Amino acid sequence: MNLAEWGVVGLVALAVFSPKHLPELARTLSKTLLMARKLSHEVKNTLDQAAEKTLLEEKEQKAKAADAAYEAPSKVSPHKTHQILP
């Protein structure tokens, strides 16, 4: 909003609310907006932490799967490299 629009909002507020009640209204609005901002930051942080945890769990699962595939015994015995044919 530009300065002229804020001026119109201020004049309407003066017309609707008495000048006595404007400071109280401004404080209440300010507190409400601050509370909403804090809540939105909390929600964002919670979602970020959940996403990070999910990514870490996926990486751990992939690493475990890669380790299991690497450590899996092969069907060919390493000791039987030569066969004696009759």
C-alpha atoms as a PDB file:
ATOM      1  CA  MET A   1       0.000   0.000   0.000  1.00  0.00           C
ATOM      2  CA  ASN A   2       1.254   3.444  -0.787  1.00  0.00           C
ATOM      3  CA  LEU A   3       1.134   6.506   1.478  1.00  0.00           C
ATOM      4  CA  ALA A   4      -2.149   7.831   0.050  1.00  0.00           C
ATOM      5  CA  GLU A   5      -3.910   4.516   0.711  1.00  0.00           C
ATOM      6  CA  TRP A   6      -2.629   4.461   4.288  1.00  0.00           C
ATOM      7  CA  GLY A   7      -3.952   8.000   4.708  1.00  0.00           C
ATOM      8  CA  VAL A   8      -7.395   6.916   3.548  1.00  0.00           C
ATOM      9  CA  VAL A   9      -7.304   3.961   5.942  1.00  0.00           C
ATOM     10  CA  GLY A  10      -6.365   6.329   8.758  1.00  0.00           C
ATOM     11  CA  LEU A  11      -9.220   8.734   7.962  1.00  0.00           C
ATOM     12  CA  VAL A  12     -11.731   5.880   7.810  1.00  0.00           C
ATOM     13  CA  ALA A  13     -10.420   4.562  11.125  1.00  0.00           C
ATOM     14  CA  LEU A  14     -10.851   8.024  12.671  1.00  0.00           C
ATOM     15  CA  ALA A  15     -14.408   8.206  11.331  1.00  0.00           C
ATOM     16  CA  VAL A  16     -15.368   4.709  12.506  1.00  0.00           C
ATOM     17  CA  PHE A  17     -13.540   4.677  15.844  1.00  0.00           C
ATOM     18  CA  SER A  18     -13.177   7.641  18.141  1.00  0.00           C
ATOM     19  CA  PRO A  19      -9.681   9.092  18.571  1.00  0.00           C
ATOM     20  CA  LYS A  20      -9.719   7.769  22.158  1.00  0.00           C
ATOM     21  CA  HIS A  21      -9.949   4.166  20.984  1.00  0.00           C
ATOM     22  CA  LEU A  22      -7.443   4.304  18.105  1.00  0.00           C
ATOM     23  CA  PRO A  23      -4.289   3.783  20.248  1.00  0.00           C
ATOM     24  CA  GLU A  24      -5.870   0.759  21.950  1.00  0.00           C
ATOM     25  CA  LEU A  25      -7.008  -0.601  18.593  1.00  0.00           C
ATOM     26  CA  ALA A  26      -3.515  -0.114  17.144  1.00  0.00           C
ATOM     27  CA  ARG A  27      -1.904  -1.948  20.083  1.00  0.00           C
ATOM     28  CA  THR A  28      -4.351  -4.830  19.792  1.00  0.00           C
ATOM     29  CA  LEU A  29      -3.795  -5.079  16.046  1.00  0.00           C
ATOM     30  CA  SER A  30      -0.028  -4.943  16.524  1.00  0.00           C
ATOM     31  CA  LYS A  31      -0.072  -7.722  19.138  1.00  0.00           C
ATOM     32  CA  THR A  32      -2.307  -9.857  16.947  1.00  0.00           C
ATOM     33  CA  LEU A  33      -0.041  -9.442  13.925  1.00  0.00           C
ATOM     34  CA  LEU A  34       3.035 -10.215  16.023  1.00  0.00           C
ATOM     35  CA  MET A  35       1.398 -13.364  17.369  1.00  0.00           C
ATOM     36  CA  ALA A  36       0.443 -14.450  13.838  1.00  0.00           C
ATOM     37  CA  ARG A  37       4.014 -13.864  12.645  1.00  0.00           C
ATOM     38  CA  LYS A  38       5.453 -15.938  15.511  1.00  0.00           C
ATOM     39  CA  LEU A  39       2.983 -18.727  14.826  1.00  0.00           C
ATOM     40  CA  SER A  40       3.836 -18.789  11.122  1.00  0.00           C
ATOM     41  CA  HIS A  41       7.569 -18.985  11.956  1.00  0.00           C
ATOM     42  CA  GLU A  42       6.887 -21.884  14.343  1.00  0.00           C
ATOM     43  CA  VAL A  43       4.917 -23.753  11.714  1.00  0.00           C
ATOM     44  CA  LYS A  44       7.622 -23.145   9.106  1.00  0.00           C
ATOM     45  CA  ASN A  45      10.368 -24.342  11.465  1.00  0.00           C
ATOM     46  CA  THR A  46       8.387 -27.454  12.370  1.00  0.00           C
ATOM     47  CA  LEU A  47       7.822 -28.293   8.708  1.00  0.00           C
ATOM     48  CA  ASP A  48      11.490 -27.679   7.889  1.00  0.00           C
ATOM     49  CA  GLN A  49      12.597 -29.977  10.709  1.00  0.00           C
ATOM     50  CA  ALA A  50      10.191 -32.702   9.605  1.00  0.00           C
ATOM     51  CA  ALA A  51      11.413 -32.465   6.009  1.00  0.00           C
ATOM     52  CA  GLU A  52      15.047 -32.600   7.121  1.00  0.00           C
ATOM     53  CA  LYS A  53      14.355 -35.628   9.316  1.00  0.00           C
ATOM     54  CA  THR A  54      12.633 -37.398   6.422  1.00  0.00           C
ATOM     55  CA  LEU A  55      15.559 -36.704   4.094  1.00  0.00           C
ATOM     56  CA  LEU A  56      18.041 -38.026   6.656  1.00  0.00           C
ATOM     57  CA  GLU A  57      15.993 -41.187   7.159  1.00  0.00           C
ATOM     58  CA  GLU A  58      15.849 -41.760   3.388  1.00  0.00           C
ATOM     59  CA  LYS A  59      19.619 -41.317   3.119  1.00  0.00           C
ATOM     60  CA  GLU A  60      20.177 -43.758   5.978  1.00  0.00           C
ATOM     61  CA  GLN A  61      17.905 -46.339   4.330  1.00  0.00           C
ATOM     62  CA  LYS A  62      19.754 -45.983   1.023  1.00  0.00           C
ATOM     63  CA  ALA A  63      23.104 -46.315   2.791  1.00  0.00           C
ATOM     64  CA  LYS A  64      21.939 -49.439   4.640  1.00  0.00           C
ATOM     65  CA  ALA A  65      20.639 -50.942   1.404  1.00  0.00           C
ATOM     66  CA  ALA A  66      23.960 -50.210  -0.317  1.00  0.00           C
ATOM     67  CA  ASP A  67      25.886 -51.742   2.600  1.00  0.00           C
ATOM     68  CA  ALA A  68      23.663 -54.826   2.580  1.00  0.00           C
ATOM     69  CA  ALA A  69      24.155 -55.275  -1.154  1.00  0.00           C
ATOM     70  CA  TYR A  70      27.927 -54.900  -0.765  1.00  0.00           C
ATOM     71  CA  GLU A  71      28.116 -57.342   2.148  1.00  0.00           C
ATOM     72  CA  ALA A  72      25.748 -59.930   0.676  1.00  0.00           C
ATOM     73  CA  PRO A  73      27.484 -63.280   0.194  1.00  0.00           C
ATOM     74  CA  SER A  74      27.929 -64.240  -3.403  1.00  0.00           C
ATOM     75  CA  LYS A  75      26.830 -67.616  -4.743  1.00  0.00           C
ATOM     76  CA  VAL A  76      30.340 -68.405  -5.921  1.00  0.00           C
ATOM     77  CA  SER A  77      32.722 -69.412  -3.213  1.00  0.00           C
ATOM     78  CA  PRO A  78      35.993 -67.495  -3.338  1.00  0.00           C
ATOM     79  CA  HIS A  79      37.854 -70.660  -2.254  1.00  0.00           C
ATOM     80  CA  LYS A  80      36.724 -72.737  -5.207  1.00  0.00           C
ATOM     81  CA  THR A  81      38.495 -71.025  -8.010  1.00  0.00           C
ATOM     82  CA  HIS A  82      39.563 -74.209  -9.800  1.00  0.00           C
ATOM     83  CA  GLN A  83      37.564 -77.244 -10.691  1.00  0.00           C
ATOM     84  CA  ILE A  84      39.225 -80.524 -11.378  1.00  0.00           C
ATOM     85  CA  LEU A  85      37.632 -82.245 -14.315  1.00  0.00           C
ATOM     86  CA  PRO A  86      37.946 -86.040 -14.749  1.00  0.00           C
END
